[in-house]
Amino acid sequence: KKEIEKDKWNNWAFRTSVSGSTNGEEGYSYSNYSGRFTANRITAESKFTSSFSISSNVSSFEYDDFSLVTETKSRYTNMTYVKSKGEHFSIGARANYSQSTSQNYDGHYAFSPCVEYNLFPYSESSEHRLSLLYGVSANHNDYTDTTVYLKTSENFASHLFELTYDNTQTWGSFSFSINGNQILD
């Protein structure tokens, strides 16, 4: 009789990455760093995915008559929870938060009820997944500086889609994702 081994991680998968670099010469320096953490749990009954990232880039120019420092920073959080309604279809919600100096956001907030279709049965999600997620979002932007449309904040609706492929084998894993978001008038 074959005994089934219990998953000590209870279907949770974690990933983390950290990177950084710096370089310079007389009159110029550049440094960047970034970090990312994901925590996901996918079972036949539900899927929870989350991603958290932070990054910073700083450039400095120093000359006799000219001095300039540019800095861009960003933070991003994304969480999705969907509950299975059969072997291939699920329904749930996604929440996003981002802050970005290059995109003029003190804060971007989005909440999206969503549906997902998975080509493979959810019971096979630990091996492979090819899913299409669609949602309609309520969004709020707080801007750092006034926009060209003279706004310091705004609320709007949008819709989103995401196509995701994950394949995990004993030799390693492969994944890709394509996503889009469009403002609704």
Protein backbone atom coordinates (compact mmCIF):
# COMPACT_ATOMS: atom_id res chain seq x y z
CA LYS A 1 0.00 0.00 0.00
CA LYS A 2 1.40 3.38 -1.04
CA GLU A 3 1.27 6.03 1.65
CA ILE A 4 0.45 9.60 0.60
CA GLU A 5 2.97 12.10 1.92
CA LYS A 6 1.45 15.14 3.65
CA ASP A 7 2.57 18.54 2.31
CA LYS A 8 4.30 20.21 5.28
CA TRP A 9 3.87 23.61 3.58
CA ASN A 10 0.09 23.12 3.10
CA ASN A 11 0.33 24.18 -0.60
CA TRP A 12 2.07 27.49 0.16
CA ALA A 13 4.89 28.58 -2.17
CA PHE A 14 7.20 31.50 -1.41
CA ARG A 15 9.71 33.35 -3.60
CA THR A 16 12.01 36.21 -2.83
CA SER A 17 14.56 38.16 -4.82
CA VAL A 18 16.90 41.04 -4.03
CA SER A 19 19.17 42.86 -6.43
CA GLY A 20 21.28 45.97 -6.49
CA SER A 21 24.11 47.69 -8.26
CA THR A 22 26.17 50.82 -8.13
CA ASN A 23 28.67 52.43 -10.45
CA GLY A 24 30.28 55.76 -10.97
CA GLU A 25 33.14 57.85 -12.15
CA GLU A 26 34.25 61.41 -11.62
CA GLY A 27 31.17 63.61 -11.76
CA TYR A 28 28.64 60.79 -12.03
CA SER A 29 27.25 58.01 -9.89
CA TYR A 30 24.31 55.63 -10.18
CA SER A 31 22.82 53.11 -7.77
CA ASN A 32 19.74 50.95 -7.77
CA TYR A 33 18.19 48.28 -5.63
CA SER A 34 15.03 46.24 -5.76
CA GLY A 35 13.36 43.49 -3.81
CA ARG A 36 10.37 41.26 -4.38
CA PHE A 37 8.46 38.74 -2.30
CA THR A 38 5.59 36.48 -3.36
CA ALA A 39 3.42 34.16 -1.31
CA ASN A 40 0.98 31.90 -3.17
CA ARG A 41 -1.34 29.07 -2.26
CA ILE A 42 -3.17 27.21 -5.01
CA THR A 43 -5.43 24.25 -4.32
CA ALA A 44 -8.34 22.60 -6.09
CA GLU A 45 -10.70 24.73 -3.94
CA SER A 46 -9.12 28.19 -4.15
CA LYS A 47 -6.19 30.32 -5.29
CA PHE A 48 -4.46 33.06 -3.31
CA THR A 49 -1.57 34.94 -4.93
CA SER A 50 0.32 37.93 -3.59
CA SER A 51 3.29 39.97 -4.68
CA PHE A 52 5.15 42.76 -2.89
CA SER A 53 7.98 44.78 -4.44
CA ILE A 54 10.09 47.85 -3.80
CA SER A 55 12.72 49.61 -5.94
CA SER A 56 14.90 52.71 -5.96
CA ASN A 57 17.20 54.30 -8.57
CA VAL A 58 19.45 57.30 -7.87
CA SER A 59 21.61 59.16 -10.41
CA SER A 60 23.93 61.98 -9.40
CA PHE A 61 25.79 64.40 -11.69
CA GLU A 62 28.42 66.74 -10.20
CA TYR A 63 30.32 69.20 -12.36
CA ASP A 64 31.91 72.59 -11.67
CA ASP A 65 28.85 74.58 -12.78
CA PHE A 66 26.16 71.89 -12.76
CA SER A 67 24.73 69.55 -10.14
CA LEU A 68 21.73 67.24 -10.48
CA VAL A 69 20.34 64.31 -8.49
CA THR A 70 17.43 62.26 -9.82
CA GLU A 71 15.68 59.63 -7.78
CA THR A 72 12.83 57.27 -8.62
CA LYS A 73 11.16 55.03 -6.08
CA SER A 74 8.30 52.60 -6.33
CA ARG A 75 6.33 50.20 -4.14
CA TYR A 76 3.79 47.68 -5.34
CA THR A 77 1.39 45.22 -3.71
CA ASN A 78 -1.00 42.88 -5.49
CA MET A 79 -3.29 40.25 -3.93
CA THR A 80 -5.77 37.97 -5.69
CA TYR A 81 -8.17 35.46 -4.18
CA VAL A 82 -10.50 33.29 -6.26
CA LYS A 83 -12.74 30.44 -5.14
CA SER A 84 -13.23 27.47 -7.48
CA LYS A 85 -16.67 26.92 -8.97
CA GLY A 86 -15.84 23.64 -10.68
CA GLU A 87 -12.69 22.19 -12.25
CA HIS A 88 -11.89 25.17 -14.50
CA PHE A 89 -13.88 28.25 -13.40
CA SER A 90 -13.50 30.48 -10.33
CA ILE A 91 -14.76 33.78 -8.98
CA GLY A 92 -13.10 36.22 -6.55
CA ALA A 93 -11.37 39.58 -6.17
CA ARG A 94 -8.07 41.38 -6.66
CA ALA A 95 -6.65 44.33 -4.73
CA ASN A 96 -3.70 46.49 -5.80
CA TYR A 97 -1.70 49.30 -4.23
CA SER A 98 1.19 51.16 -5.81
CA GLN A 99 3.29 54.22 -5.10
CA SER A 100 5.63 55.57 -7.77
CA THR A 101 7.59 58.79 -8.17
CA SER A 102 8.01 58.19 -11.91
CA GLN A 103 4.25 57.71 -12.40
CA ASN A 104 3.33 60.63 -10.08
CA TYR A 105 1.47 58.39 -7.57
CA ASP A 106 1.46 59.04 -3.87
CA GLY A 107 -0.97 56.15 -3.97
CA HIS A 108 -2.89 54.16 -6.56
CA TYR A 109 -5.59 51.86 -5.17
CA ALA A 110 -7.69 49.37 -7.12
CA PHE A 111 -10.26 46.76 -6.13
CA SER A 112 -11.50 44.33 -8.78
CA PRO A 113 -14.18 41.64 -8.56
CA CYS A 114 -12.99 39.03 -11.10
CA VAL A 115 -13.59 35.70 -12.79
CA GLU A 116 -10.98 33.22 -13.91
CA TYR A 117 -10.92 30.33 -16.34
CA ASN A 118 -8.14 27.73 -16.10
CA LEU A 119 -7.53 25.48 -19.12
CA PHE A 120 -6.18 22.75 -16.82
CA PRO A 121 -8.19 21.41 -13.87
CA TYR A 122 -7.39 23.23 -10.63
CA SER A 123 -6.43 19.87 -9.10
CA GLU A 124 -3.33 19.97 -11.39
CA SER A 125 -2.30 23.53 -10.39
CA SER A 126 0.81 22.38 -8.53
CA GLU A 127 2.15 21.06 -11.88
CA HIS A 128 0.76 23.48 -14.45
CA ARG A 129 -1.72 26.30 -14.90
CA LEU A 130 -2.90 28.25 -17.94
CA SER A 131 -5.47 30.77 -16.76
CA LEU A 132 -7.28 33.85 -18.04
CA LEU A 133 -8.52 36.31 -15.41
CA TYR A 134 -10.92 39.18 -16.14
CA GLY A 135 -12.17 41.85 -13.76
CA VAL A 136 -13.74 45.29 -13.51
CA SER A 137 -11.96 47.69 -11.15
CA ALA A 138 -12.83 50.63 -8.94
CA ASN A 139 -9.69 52.84 -8.88
CA HIS A 140 -8.49 55.82 -6.86
CA ASN A 141 -5.34 57.83 -7.61
CA ASP A 142 -3.66 60.30 -5.25
CA TYR A 143 -1.13 62.26 -7.29
CA THR A 144 2.15 63.67 -5.96
CA ASP A 145 1.99 66.72 -8.25
CA THR A 146 -0.99 68.20 -10.09
CA THR A 147 -1.53 66.42 -13.41
CA VAL A 148 -1.72 68.12 -16.82
CA TYR A 149 -5.53 67.83 -16.39
CA LEU A 150 -5.25 69.87 -13.13
CA LYS A 151 -6.09 66.90 -10.89
CA THR A 152 -4.59 66.04 -7.52
CA SER A 153 -6.74 62.90 -7.16
CA GLU A 154 -9.37 61.02 -9.14
CA ASN A 155 -11.70 58.03 -9.12
CA PHE A 156 -12.41 55.94 -12.21
CA ALA A 157 -13.43 52.50 -13.44
CA SER A 158 -11.29 50.18 -15.54
CA HIS A 159 -11.22 46.59 -16.63
CA LEU A 160 -8.31 44.19 -16.58
CA PHE A 161 -7.24 40.88 -18.02
CA GLU A 162 -4.36 38.58 -17.22
CA LEU A 163 -3.12 35.51 -19.03
CA THR A 164 -0.82 33.37 -16.87
CA TYR A 165 1.11 30.18 -17.54
CA ASP A 166 2.97 28.29 -14.80
CA ASN A 167 4.75 24.96 -15.20
CA THR A 168 6.56 23.35 -12.26
CA GLN A 169 8.55 20.15 -12.69
CA THR A 170 11.31 18.37 -10.79
CA TRP A 171 13.91 20.04 -13.06
CA GLY A 172 12.60 23.55 -12.22
CA SER A 173 9.83 25.90 -13.18
CA PHE A 174 8.78 28.17 -16.02
CA SER A 175 6.15 30.90 -15.98
CA PHE A 176 4.98 33.93 -17.91
CA SER A 177 2.18 36.41 -17.59
CA ILE A 178 0.60 38.98 -19.89
CA ASN A 179 -1.71 41.57 -18.41
CA GLY A 180 -3.55 44.67 -19.46
CA ASN A 181 -5.69 47.34 -17.92
CA GLN A 182 -7.95 49.84 -19.74
CA ILE A 183 -9.85 52.81 -18.31
CA LEU A 184 -13.61 52.69 -18.95
CA ASP A 185 -15.28 55.95 -19.99
